[in-house]
Amino acid sequence: MKAIRFGTHDNIGSSGPIHLPPDEMHISATWLSLHLSEQWSEAELTEVMIGIAYAMNAYIPLSIQCDSSDVAVVPQVKASHNKLPTFFVYDKYPGGIGLSEKVYEL
């Protein structure tokens, strides 16, 4: 990595690794798992799920009346709890503020 000056992009430092602490936050979330009968390759399923998550990120704030930065959708091709393609919808606030519960009700 290279350090550069913000306004002028001048080189002000040498390159090296960045060490950031993990970002942990206790949140509330809901999930939607899919039982697919068709055989999809993992690459195809990944691309499809990313597209669906992108659409969900646009639709959910409209349907539950919140800002788009208040919720997030994360797709996993093989979720750790059930080994199925799963979308996780979570509040982007520590402890949650009830937005994922509204998504669950929908």
PDB file of N, CA and C in Angstrom:
ATOM      1  N   MET A   1       0.835  -1.166   0.000  1.00  0.00           N
ATOM      2  CA  MET A   1       0.000   0.000   0.000  1.00  0.00           C
ATOM      3  C   MET A   1       0.886   1.237   0.000  1.00  0.00           C
ATOM      4  N   LYS A   2       0.375   2.287  -0.619  1.00  0.00           N
ATOM      5  CA  LYS A   2       1.117   3.537  -0.730  1.00  0.00           C
ATOM      6  C   LYS A   2       0.311   4.639  -0.054  1.00  0.00           C
ATOM      7  N   ALA A   3       0.987   5.485   0.729  1.00  0.00           N
ATOM      8  CA  ALA A   3       0.338   6.628   1.368  1.00  0.00           C
ATOM      9  C   ALA A   3       0.410   7.812   0.421  1.00  0.00           C
ATOM     10  N   ILE A   4      -0.741   8.459   0.165  1.00  0.00           N
ATOM     11  CA  ILE A   4      -0.782   9.613  -0.723  1.00  0.00           C
ATOM     12  C   ILE A   4      -1.488  10.775  -0.029  1.00  0.00           C
ATOM     13  N   ARG A   5      -1.152  11.988  -0.430  1.00  0.00           N
ATOM     14  CA  ARG A   5      -1.798  13.191   0.101  1.00  0.00           C
ATOM     15  C   ARG A   5      -3.203  13.272  -0.480  1.00  0.00           C
ATOM     16  N   PHE A   6      -4.186  13.576   0.359  1.00  0.00           N
ATOM     17  CA  PHE A   6      -5.591  13.534  -0.030  1.00  0.00           C
ATOM     18  C   PHE A   6      -5.915  14.450  -1.211  1.00  0.00           C
ATOM     19  N   GLY A   7      -5.554  15.706  -1.165  1.00  0.00           N
ATOM     20  CA  GLY A   7      -5.950  16.653  -2.205  1.00  0.00           C
ATOM     21  C   GLY A   7      -5.156  16.558  -3.487  1.00  0.00           C
ATOM     22  N   THR A   8      -3.829  16.333  -3.368  1.00  0.00           N
ATOM     23  CA  THR A   8      -2.955  16.400  -4.545  1.00  0.00           C
ATOM     24  C   THR A   8      -2.513  15.035  -5.058  1.00  0.00           C
ATOM     25  N   HIS A   9      -2.742  13.992  -4.293  1.00  0.00           N
ATOM     26  CA  HIS A   9      -2.321  12.633  -4.638  1.00  0.00           C
ATOM     27  C   HIS A   9      -0.803  12.479  -4.695  1.00  0.00           C
ATOM     28  N   ASP A  10      -0.070  13.355  -3.990  1.00  0.00           N
ATOM     29  CA  ASP A  10       1.385  13.229  -3.905  1.00  0.00           C
ATOM     30  C   ASP A  10       1.737  12.030  -3.034  1.00  0.00           C
ATOM     31  N   ASN A  11       2.790  11.333  -3.416  1.00  0.00           N
ATOM     32  CA  ASN A  11       3.285  10.204  -2.653  1.00  0.00           C
ATOM     33  C   ASN A  11       3.954  10.716  -1.384  1.00  0.00           C
ATOM     34  N   ILE A  12       3.442  10.322  -0.203  1.00  0.00           N
ATOM     35  CA  ILE A  12       4.025  10.800   1.056  1.00  0.00           C
ATOM     36  C   ILE A  12       4.513   9.662   1.947  1.00  0.00           C
ATOM     37  N   GLY A  13       4.440   8.444   1.476  1.00  0.00           N
ATOM     38  CA  GLY A  13       4.888   7.335   2.310  1.00  0.00           C
ATOM     39  C   GLY A  13       5.147   6.091   1.495  1.00  0.00           C
ATOM     40  N   SER A  14       5.778   5.139   2.147  1.00  0.00           N
ATOM     41  CA  SER A  14       6.105   3.896   1.462  1.00  0.00           C
ATOM     42  C   SER A  14       4.964   2.899   1.590  1.00  0.00           C
ATOM     43  N   SER A  15       5.086   1.844   0.844  1.00  0.00           N
ATOM     44  CA  SER A  15       4.048   0.823   0.862  1.00  0.00           C
ATOM     45  C   SER A  15       4.286  -0.159   1.996  1.00  0.00           C
ATOM     46  N   GLY A  16       3.222  -0.813   2.404  1.00  0.00           N
ATOM     47  CA  GLY A  16       3.301  -1.801   3.467  1.00  0.00           C
ATOM     48  C   GLY A  16       1.918  -2.337   3.787  1.00  0.00           C
ATOM     49  N   PRO A  17       1.855  -3.368   4.563  1.00  0.00           N
ATOM     50  CA  PRO A  17       0.552  -3.964   4.883  1.00  0.00           C
ATOM     51  C   PRO A  17      -0.257  -3.077   5.832  1.00  0.00           C
ATOM     52  N   ILE A  18      -1.563  -3.202   5.730  1.00  0.00           N
ATOM     53  CA  ILE A  18      -2.472  -2.482   6.616  1.00  0.00           C
ATOM     54  C   ILE A  18      -3.033  -3.478   7.624  1.00  0.00           C
ATOM     55  N   HIS A  19      -3.006  -3.110   8.882  1.00  0.00           N
ATOM     56  CA  HIS A  19      -3.546  -3.967   9.930  1.00  0.00           C
ATOM     57  C   HIS A  19      -4.719  -3.245  10.588  1.00  0.00           C
ATOM     58  N   LEU A  20      -5.917  -3.688  10.271  1.00  0.00           N
ATOM     59  CA  LEU A  20      -7.128  -3.099  10.847  1.00  0.00           C
ATOM     60  C   LEU A  20      -7.785  -4.113  11.774  1.00  0.00           C
ATOM     61  N   PRO A  21      -8.337  -3.659  12.885  1.00  0.00           N
ATOM     62  CA  PRO A  21      -9.045  -4.600  13.762  1.00  0.00           C
ATOM     63  C   PRO A  21     -10.344  -5.068  13.093  1.00  0.00           C
ATOM     64  N   PRO A  22     -10.813  -6.248  13.428  1.00  0.00           N
ATOM     65  CA  PRO A  22     -12.085  -6.705  12.856  1.00  0.00           C
ATOM     66  C   PRO A  22     -13.219  -5.789  13.277  1.00  0.00           C
ATOM     67  N   ASP A  23     -14.182  -5.623  12.375  1.00  0.00           N
ATOM     68  CA  ASP A  23     -15.343  -4.782  12.640  1.00  0.00           C
ATOM     69  C   ASP A  23     -16.474  -5.692  13.105  1.00  0.00           C
ATOM     70  N   GLU A  24     -16.775  -5.659  14.392  1.00  0.00           N
ATOM     71  CA  GLU A  24     -17.828  -6.496  14.958  1.00  0.00           C
ATOM     72  C   GLU A  24     -18.963  -5.629  15.461  1.00  0.00           C
ATOM     73  N   MET A  25     -20.197  -6.092  15.201  1.00  0.00           N
ATOM     74  CA  MET A  25     -21.359  -5.364  15.658  1.00  0.00           C
ATOM     75  C   MET A  25     -22.475  -6.385  15.917  1.00  0.00           C
ATOM     76  N   HIS A  26     -23.088  -6.293  17.092  1.00  0.00           N
ATOM     77  CA  HIS A  26     -24.221  -7.157  17.405  1.00  0.00           C
ATOM     78  C   HIS A  26     -25.452  -6.547  16.753  1.00  0.00           C
ATOM     79  N   ILE A  27     -26.131  -7.337  15.925  1.00  0.00           N
ATOM     80  CA  ILE A  27     -27.234  -6.825  15.130  1.00  0.00           C
ATOM     81  C   ILE A  27     -28.423  -7.771  15.208  1.00  0.00           C
ATOM     82  N   SER A  28     -29.551  -7.342  14.685  1.00  0.00           N
ATOM     83  CA  SER A  28     -30.679  -8.249  14.478  1.00  0.00           C
ATOM     84  C   SER A  28     -30.797  -8.467  12.977  1.00  0.00           C
ATOM     85  N   ALA A  29     -31.223  -9.658  12.599  1.00  0.00           N
ATOM     86  CA  ALA A  29     -31.275  -9.999  11.181  1.00  0.00           C
ATOM     87  C   ALA A  29     -32.370 -11.025  10.932  1.00  0.00           C
ATOM     88  N   THR A  30     -32.688 -11.188   9.674  1.00  0.00           N
ATOM     89  CA  THR A  30     -33.576 -12.260   9.231  1.00  0.00           C
ATOM     90  C   THR A  30     -32.945 -12.882   7.998  1.00  0.00           C
ATOM     91  N   TRP A  31     -33.375 -14.066   7.630  1.00  0.00           N
ATOM     92  CA  TRP A  31     -32.805 -14.684   6.446  1.00  0.00           C
ATOM     93  C   TRP A  31     -33.871 -15.360   5.619  1.00  0.00           C
ATOM     94  N   LEU A  32     -33.558 -15.538   4.359  1.00  0.00           N
ATOM     95  CA  LEU A  32     -34.414 -16.208   3.402  1.00  0.00           C
ATOM     96  C   LEU A  32     -33.571 -17.266   2.716  1.00  0.00           C
ATOM     97  N   SER A  33     -33.910 -18.533   2.937  1.00  0.00           N
ATOM     98  CA  SER A  33     -33.179 -19.631   2.310  1.00  0.00           C
ATOM     99  C   SER A  33     -33.985 -20.181   1.142  1.00  0.00           C
ATOM    100  N   LEU A  34     -33.277 -20.606   0.104  1.00  0.00           N
ATOM    101  CA  LEU A  34     -33.910 -21.121  -1.102  1.00  0.00           C
ATOM    102  C   LEU A  34     -33.649 -22.611  -1.234  1.00  0.00           C
ATOM    103  N   HIS A  35     -34.684 -23.352  -1.591  1.00  0.00           N
ATOM    104  CA  HIS A  35     -34.548 -24.769  -1.922  1.00  0.00           C
ATOM    105  C   HIS A  35     -34.667 -24.868  -3.437  1.00  0.00           C
ATOM    106  N   LEU A  36     -33.540 -25.029  -4.115  1.00  0.00           N
ATOM    107  CA  LEU A  36     -33.522 -25.042  -5.577  1.00  0.00           C
ATOM    108  C   LEU A  36     -33.561 -26.459  -6.107  1.00  0.00           C
ATOM    109  N   SER A  37     -34.444 -26.706  -7.069  1.00  0.00           N
ATOM    110  CA  SER A  37     -34.522 -28.037  -7.666  1.00  0.00           C
ATOM    111  C   SER A  37     -33.578 -28.163  -8.856  1.00  0.00           C
ATOM    112  N   GLU A  38     -33.221 -27.039  -9.472  1.00  0.00           N
ATOM    113  CA  GLU A  38     -32.316 -27.075 -10.617  1.00  0.00           C
ATOM    114  C   GLU A  38     -30.868 -27.165 -10.159  1.00  0.00           C
ATOM    115  N   GLN A  39     -30.047 -27.729 -11.006  1.00  0.00           N
ATOM    116  CA  GLN A  39     -28.617 -27.798 -10.710  1.00  0.00           C
ATOM    117  C   GLN A  39     -27.927 -26.584 -11.308  1.00  0.00           C
ATOM    118  N   TRP A  40     -27.403 -25.719 -10.472  1.00  0.00           N
ATOM    119  CA  TRP A  40     -26.672 -24.544 -10.894  1.00  0.00           C
ATOM    120  C   TRP A  40     -25.222 -24.733 -10.488  1.00  0.00           C
ATOM    121  N   SER A  41     -24.327 -24.219 -11.287  1.00  0.00           N
ATOM    122  CA  SER A  41     -22.937 -24.228 -10.850  1.00  0.00           C
ATOM    123  C   SER A  41     -22.786 -23.167  -9.761  1.00  0.00           C
ATOM    124  N   GLU A  42     -21.754 -23.293  -8.962  1.00  0.00           N
ATOM    125  CA  GLU A  42     -21.550 -22.336  -7.875  1.00  0.00           C
ATOM    126  C   GLU A  42     -21.314 -20.929  -8.421  1.00  0.00           C
ATOM    127  N   ALA A  43     -20.616 -20.835  -9.541  1.00  0.00           N
ATOM    128  CA  ALA A  43     -20.359 -19.519 -10.141  1.00  0.00           C
ATOM    129  C   ALA A  43     -21.661 -18.886 -10.637  1.00  0.00           C
ATOM    130  N   GLU A  44     -22.522 -19.671 -11.294  1.00  0.00           N
ATOM    131  CA  GLU A  44     -23.806 -19.143 -11.765  1.00  0.00           C
ATOM    132  C   GLU A  44     -24.677 -18.706 -10.594  1.00  0.00           C
ATOM    133  N   LEU A  45     -24.750 -19.545  -9.572  1.00  0.00           N
ATOM    134  CA  LEU A  45     -25.567 -19.229  -8.409  1.00  0.00           C
ATOM    135  C   LEU A  45     -25.048 -17.980  -7.697  1.00  0.00           C
ATOM    136  N   THR A  46     -23.736 -17.827  -7.616  1.00  0.00           N
ATOM    137  CA  THR A  46     -23.151 -16.644  -6.996  1.00  0.00           C
ATOM    138  C   THR A  46     -23.570 -15.386  -7.749  1.00  0.00           C
ATOM    139  N   GLU A  47     -23.470 -15.419  -9.068  1.00  0.00           N
ATOM    140  CA  GLU A  47     -23.841 -14.249  -9.866  1.00  0.00           C
ATOM    141  C   GLU A  47     -25.324 -13.924  -9.730  1.00  0.00           C
ATOM    142  N   VAL A  48     -26.174 -14.925  -9.764  1.00  0.00           N
ATOM    143  CA  VAL A  48     -27.610 -14.711  -9.633  1.00  0.00           C
ATOM    144  C   VAL A  48     -27.943 -14.141  -8.260  1.00  0.00           C
ATOM    145  N   MET A  49     -27.339 -14.686  -7.221  1.00  0.00           N
ATOM    146  CA  MET A  49     -27.631 -14.225  -5.867  1.00  0.00           C
ATOM    147  C   MET A  49     -27.137 -12.799  -5.635  1.00  0.00           C
ATOM    148  N   ILE A  50     -26.014 -12.429  -6.220  1.00  0.00           N
ATOM    149  CA  ILE A  50     -25.525 -11.053  -6.105  1.00  0.00           C
ATOM    150  C   ILE A  50     -26.510 -10.098  -6.771  1.00  0.00           C
ATOM    151  N   GLY A  51     -27.040 -10.479  -7.931  1.00  0.00           N
ATOM    152  CA  GLY A  51     -28.027  -9.652  -8.611  1.00  0.00           C
ATOM    153  C   GLY A  51     -29.308  -9.509  -7.806  1.00  0.00           C
ATOM    154  N   ILE A  52     -29.772 -10.606  -7.216  1.00  0.00           N
ATOM    155  CA  ILE A  52     -30.985 -10.562  -6.396  1.00  0.00           C
ATOM    156  C   ILE A  52     -30.745  -9.704  -5.151  1.00  0.00           C
ATOM    157  N   ALA A  53     -29.590  -9.860  -4.515  1.00  0.00           N
ATOM    158  CA  ALA A  53     -29.268  -9.053  -3.331  1.00  0.00           C
ATOM    159  C   ALA A  53     -29.227  -7.572  -3.681  1.00  0.00           C
ATOM    160  N   TYR A  54     -28.707  -7.238  -4.847  1.00  0.00           N
ATOM    161  CA  TYR A  54     -28.672  -5.851  -5.293  1.00  0.00           C
ATOM    162  C   TYR A  54     -30.103  -5.309  -5.436  1.00  0.00           C
ATOM    163  N   ALA A  55     -30.988  -6.100  -6.041  1.00  0.00           N
ATOM    164  CA  ALA A  55     -32.388  -5.692  -6.188  1.00  0.00           C
ATOM    165  C   ALA A  55     -33.072  -5.575  -4.823  1.00  0.00           C
ATOM    166  N   MET A  56     -32.794  -6.507  -3.928  1.00  0.00           N
ATOM    167  CA  MET A  56     -33.377  -6.454  -2.587  1.00  0.00           C
ATOM    168  C   MET A  56     -32.902  -5.206  -1.840  1.00  0.00           C
ATOM    169  N   ASN A  57     -31.626  -4.843  -1.998  1.00  0.00           N
ATOM    170  CA  ASN A  57     -31.099  -3.637  -1.352  1.00  0.00           C
ATOM    171  C   ASN A  57     -31.809  -2.376  -1.849  1.00  0.00           C
ATOM    172  N   ALA A  58     -32.314  -2.409  -3.075  1.00  0.00           N
ATOM    173  CA  ALA A  58     -33.053  -1.264  -3.605  1.00  0.00           C
ATOM    174  C   ALA A  58     -34.519  -1.297  -3.180  1.00  0.00           C
ATOM    175  N   TYR A  59     -35.110  -2.492  -3.117  1.00  0.00           N
ATOM    176  CA  TYR A  59     -36.548  -2.618  -2.847  1.00  0.00           C
ATOM    177  C   TYR A  59     -36.896  -2.510  -1.357  1.00  0.00           C
ATOM    178  N   ILE A  60     -36.109  -3.118  -0.506  1.00  0.00           N
ATOM    179  CA  ILE A  60     -36.434  -3.174   0.926  1.00  0.00           C
ATOM    180  C   ILE A  60     -36.605  -1.793   1.549  1.00  0.00           C
ATOM    181  N   PRO A  61     -35.699  -0.844   1.341  1.00  0.00           N
ATOM    182  CA  PRO A  61     -35.909   0.485   1.948  1.00  0.00           C
ATOM    183  C   PRO A  61     -37.211   1.156   1.492  1.00  0.00           C
ATOM    184  N   LEU A  62     -37.608   0.911   0.253  1.00  0.00           N
ATOM    185  CA  LEU A  62     -38.868   1.483  -0.228  1.00  0.00           C
ATOM    186  C   LEU A  62     -40.066   0.855   0.464  1.00  0.00           C
ATOM    187  N   SER A  63     -40.009  -0.457   0.666  1.00  0.00           N
ATOM    188  CA  SER A  63     -41.172  -1.154   1.216  1.00  0.00           C
ATOM    189  C   SER A  63     -41.316  -0.997   2.724  1.00  0.00           C
ATOM    190  N   ILE A  64     -40.205  -0.755   3.447  1.00  0.00           N
ATOM    191  CA  ILE A  64     -40.331  -0.595   4.906  1.00  0.00           C
ATOM    192  C   ILE A  64     -40.094   0.844   5.352  1.00  0.00           C
ATOM    193  N   GLN A  65     -39.969   1.755   4.384  1.00  0.00           N
ATOM    194  CA  GLN A  65     -39.849   3.186   4.663  1.00  0.00           C
ATOM    195  C   GLN A  65     -38.635   3.527   5.530  1.00  0.00           C
ATOM    196  N   CYS A  66     -37.456   3.228   5.008  1.00  0.00           N
ATOM    197  CA  CYS A  66     -36.225   3.588   5.713  1.00  0.00           C
ATOM    198  C   CYS A  66     -35.198   4.060   4.698  1.00  0.00           C
ATOM    199  N   ASP A  67     -34.095   4.546   5.170  1.00  0.00           N
ATOM    200  CA  ASP A  67     -33.006   4.964   4.310  1.00  0.00           C
ATOM    201  C   ASP A  67     -32.270   3.736   3.787  1.00  0.00           C
ATOM    202  N   SER A  68     -31.718   3.837   2.597  1.00  0.00           N
ATOM    203  CA  SER A  68     -31.025   2.681   2.018  1.00  0.00           C
ATOM    204  C   SER A  68     -29.776   2.291   2.791  1.00  0.00           C
ATOM    205  N   SER A  69     -29.227   3.208   3.596  1.00  0.00           N
ATOM    206  CA  SER A  69     -28.044   2.875   4.390  1.00  0.00           C
ATOM    207  C   SER A  69     -28.405   2.239   5.735  1.00  0.00           C
ATOM    208  N   ASP A  70     -29.700   2.049   6.019  1.00  0.00           N
ATOM    209  CA  ASP A  70     -30.130   1.484   7.299  1.00  0.00           C
ATOM    210  C   ASP A  70     -30.166  -0.042   7.311  1.00  0.00           C
ATOM    211  N   VAL A  71     -30.282  -0.662   6.144  1.00  0.00           N
ATOM    212  CA  VAL A  71     -30.338  -2.118   6.057  1.00  0.00           C
ATOM    213  C   VAL A  71     -29.350  -2.602   5.004  1.00  0.00           C
ATOM    214  N   ALA A  72     -28.991  -3.871   5.107  1.00  0.00           N
ATOM    215  CA  ALA A  72     -28.091  -4.485   4.123  1.00  0.00           C
ATOM    216  C   ALA A  72     -28.540  -5.905   3.850  1.00  0.00           C
ATOM    217  N   VAL A  73     -28.263  -6.375   2.648  1.00  0.00           N
ATOM    218  CA  VAL A  73     -28.561  -7.749   2.250  1.00  0.00           C
ATOM    219  C   VAL A  73     -27.248  -8.401   1.853  1.00  0.00           C
ATOM    220  N   VAL A  74     -26.976  -9.557   2.442  1.00  0.00           N
ATOM    221  CA  VAL A  74     -25.751 -10.295   2.150  1.00  0.00           C
ATOM    222  C   VAL A  74     -26.127 -11.688   1.657  1.00  0.00           C
ATOM    223  N   PRO A  75     -25.746 -12.047   0.430  1.00  0.00           N
ATOM    224  CA  PRO A  75     -26.034 -13.391  -0.061  1.00  0.00           C
ATOM    225  C   PRO A  75     -24.910 -14.366   0.307  1.00  0.00           C
ATOM    226  N   GLN A  76     -25.299 -15.601   0.609  1.00  0.00           N
ATOM    227  CA  GLN A  76     -24.329 -16.680   0.811  1.00  0.00           C
ATOM    228  C   GLN A  76     -24.804 -17.884   0.018  1.00  0.00           C
ATOM    229  N   VAL A  77     -23.949 -18.397  -0.844  1.00  0.00           N
ATOM    230  CA  VAL A  77     -24.317 -19.536  -1.680  1.00  0.00           C
ATOM    231  C   VAL A  77     -24.570 -20.776  -0.828  1.00  0.00           C
ATOM    232  N   LYS A  78     -23.793 -20.936   0.240  1.00  0.00           N
ATOM    233  CA  LYS A  78     -23.964 -22.076   1.137  1.00  0.00           C
ATOM    234  C   LYS A  78     -23.830 -21.561   2.567  1.00  0.00           C
ATOM    235  N   ALA A  79     -24.984 -21.246   3.180  1.00  0.00           N
ATOM    236  CA  ALA A  79     -24.985 -20.706   4.537  1.00  0.00           C
ATOM    237  C   ALA A  79     -24.467 -21.752   5.519  1.00  0.00           C
ATOM    238  N   SER A  80     -23.805 -21.291   6.554  1.00  0.00           N
ATOM    239  CA  SER A  80     -23.194 -22.222   7.507  1.00  0.00           C
ATOM    240  C   SER A  80     -24.235 -22.968   8.340  1.00  0.00           C
ATOM    241  N   HIS A  81     -25.408 -22.411   8.561  1.00  0.00           N
ATOM    242  CA  HIS A  81     -26.391 -23.051   9.434  1.00  0.00           C
ATOM    243  C   HIS A  81     -27.272 -24.078   8.728  1.00  0.00           C
ATOM    244  N   ASN A  82     -27.437 -23.987   7.390  1.00  0.00           N
ATOM    245  CA  ASN A  82     -28.301 -24.962   6.717  1.00  0.00           C
ATOM    246  C   ASN A  82     -27.766 -25.434   5.365  1.00  0.00           C
ATOM    247  N   LYS A  83     -26.627 -24.959   4.952  1.00  0.00           N
ATOM    248  CA  LYS A  83     -25.963 -25.346   3.695  1.00  0.00           C
ATOM    249  C   LYS A  83     -26.797 -25.045   2.455  1.00  0.00           C
ATOM    250  N   LEU A  84     -27.721 -24.073   2.539  1.00  0.00           N
ATOM    251  CA  LEU A  84     -28.573 -23.688   1.422  1.00  0.00           C
ATOM    252  C   LEU A  84     -28.223 -22.281   0.961  1.00  0.00           C
ATOM    253  N   PRO A  85     -28.573 -21.934  -0.285  1.00  0.00           N
ATOM    254  CA  PRO A  85     -28.423 -20.537  -0.711  1.00  0.00           C
ATOM    255  C   PRO A  85     -29.317 -19.654   0.156  1.00  0.00           C
ATOM    256  N   THR A  86     -28.730 -18.626   0.770  1.00  0.00           N
ATOM    257  CA  THR A  86     -29.443 -17.833   1.773  1.00  0.00           C
ATOM    258  C   THR A  86     -29.108 -16.355   1.618  1.00  0.00           C
ATOM    259  N   PHE A  87     -30.135 -15.526   1.810  1.00  0.00           N
ATOM    260  CA  PHE A  87     -29.969 -14.082   1.866  1.00  0.00           C
ATOM    261  C   PHE A  87     -30.170 -13.647   3.311  1.00  0.00           C
ATOM    262  N   PHE A  88     -29.213 -12.905   3.850  1.00  0.00           N
ATOM    263  CA  PHE A  88     -29.322 -12.361   5.195  1.00  0.00           C
ATOM    264  C   PHE A  88     -29.632 -10.875   5.082  1.00  0.00           C
ATOM    265  N   VAL A  89     -30.698 -10.446   5.755  1.00  0.00           N
ATOM    266  CA  VAL A  89     -31.086  -9.035   5.792  1.00  0.00           C
ATOM    267  C   VAL A  89     -30.871  -8.564   7.218  1.00  0.00           C
ATOM    268  N   TYR A  90     -30.064  -7.525   7.384  1.00  0.00           N
ATOM    269  CA  TYR A  90     -29.772  -7.075   8.742  1.00  0.00           C
ATOM    270  C   TYR A  90     -29.822  -5.561   8.856  1.00  0.00           C
ATOM    271  N   ASP A  91     -30.118  -5.114  10.072  1.00  0.00           N
ATOM    272  CA  ASP A  91     -30.086  -3.694  10.415  1.00  0.00           C
ATOM    273  C   ASP A  91     -28.626  -3.274  10.542  1.00  0.00           C
ATOM    274  N   LYS A  92     -28.301  -2.112  10.055  1.00  0.00           N
ATOM    275  CA  LYS A  92     -26.932  -1.629  10.160  1.00  0.00           C
ATOM    276  C   LYS A  92     -26.764  -0.707  11.366  1.00  0.00           C
ATOM    277  N   TYR A  93     -27.390  -1.085  12.476  1.00  0.00           N
ATOM    278  CA  TYR A  93     -27.282  -0.362  13.743  1.00  0.00           C
ATOM    279  C   TYR A  93     -26.955  -1.361  14.841  1.00  0.00           C
ATOM    280  N   PRO A  94     -26.071  -1.011  15.771  1.00  0.00           N
ATOM    281  CA  PRO A  94     -25.773  -1.923  16.879  1.00  0.00           C
ATOM    282  C   PRO A  94     -27.045  -2.304  17.633  1.00  0.00           C
ATOM    283  N   GLY A  95     -27.275  -3.576  17.778  1.00  0.00           N
ATOM    284  CA  GLY A  95     -28.458  -4.066  18.476  1.00  0.00           C
ATOM    285  C   GLY A  95     -29.694  -4.124  17.609  1.00  0.00           C
ATOM    286  N   GLY A  96     -29.685  -3.471  16.458  1.00  0.00           N
ATOM    287  CA  GLY A  96     -30.837  -3.460  15.567  1.00  0.00           C
ATOM    288  C   GLY A  96     -31.890  -2.465  16.026  1.00  0.00           C
ATOM    289  N   ILE A  97     -32.705  -2.013  15.081  1.00  0.00           N
ATOM    290  CA  ILE A  97     -33.790  -1.083  15.407  1.00  0.00           C
ATOM    291  C   ILE A  97     -35.134  -1.582  14.879  1.00  0.00           C
ATOM    292  N   GLY A  98     -35.210  -2.859  14.533  1.00  0.00           N
ATOM    293  CA  GLY A  98     -36.483  -3.452  14.136  1.00  0.00           C
ATOM    294  C   GLY A  98     -36.742  -3.506  12.648  1.00  0.00           C
ATOM    295  N   LEU A  99     -35.796  -3.107  11.826  1.00  0.00           N
ATOM    296  CA  LEU A  99     -36.025  -3.118  10.388  1.00  0.00           C
ATOM    297  C   LEU A  99     -36.047  -4.534   9.821  1.00  0.00           C
ATOM    298  N   SER A 100     -35.173  -5.392  10.311  1.00  0.00           N
ATOM    299  CA  SER A 100     -35.171  -6.770   9.803  1.00  0.00           C
ATOM    300  C   SER A 100     -36.451  -7.503  10.205  1.00  0.00           C
ATOM    301  N   GLU A 101     -37.040  -7.125  11.343  1.00  0.00           N
ATOM    302  CA  GLU A 101     -38.326  -7.714  11.733  1.00  0.00           C
ATOM    303  C   GLU A 101     -39.424  -7.303  10.755  1.00  0.00           C
ATOM    304  N   LYS A 102     -39.370  -6.061  10.283  1.00  0.00           N
ATOM    305  CA  LYS A 102     -40.351  -5.617   9.282  1.00  0.00           C
ATOM    306  C   LYS A 102     -40.190  -6.396   7.987  1.00  0.00           C
ATOM    307  N   VAL A 103     -38.942  -6.666   7.611  1.00  0.00           N
ATOM    308  CA  VAL A 103     -38.676  -7.464   6.405  1.00  0.00           C
ATOM    309  C   VAL A 103     -39.227  -8.875   6.598  1.00  0.00           C
ATOM    310  N   TYR A 104     -39.041  -9.438   7.779  1.00  0.00           N
ATOM    311  CA  TYR A 104     -39.571 -10.773   8.073  1.00  0.00           C
ATOM    312  C   TYR A 104     -41.084 -10.806   7.926  1.00  0.00           C
ATOM    313  N   GLU A 105     -41.772  -9.765   8.395  1.00  0.00           N
ATOM    314  CA  GLU A 105     -43.223  -9.715   8.304  1.00  0.00           C
ATOM    315  C   GLU A 105     -43.692  -9.668   6.849  1.00  0.00           C
ATOM    316  N   LEU A 106     -42.882  -9.050   5.961  1.00  0.00           N
ATOM    317  CA  LEU A 106     -43.235  -9.010   4.540  1.00  0.00           C
ATOM    318  C   LEU A 106     -43.158 -10.382   3.932  1.00  0.00           C
TER     319      LEU A 106
END
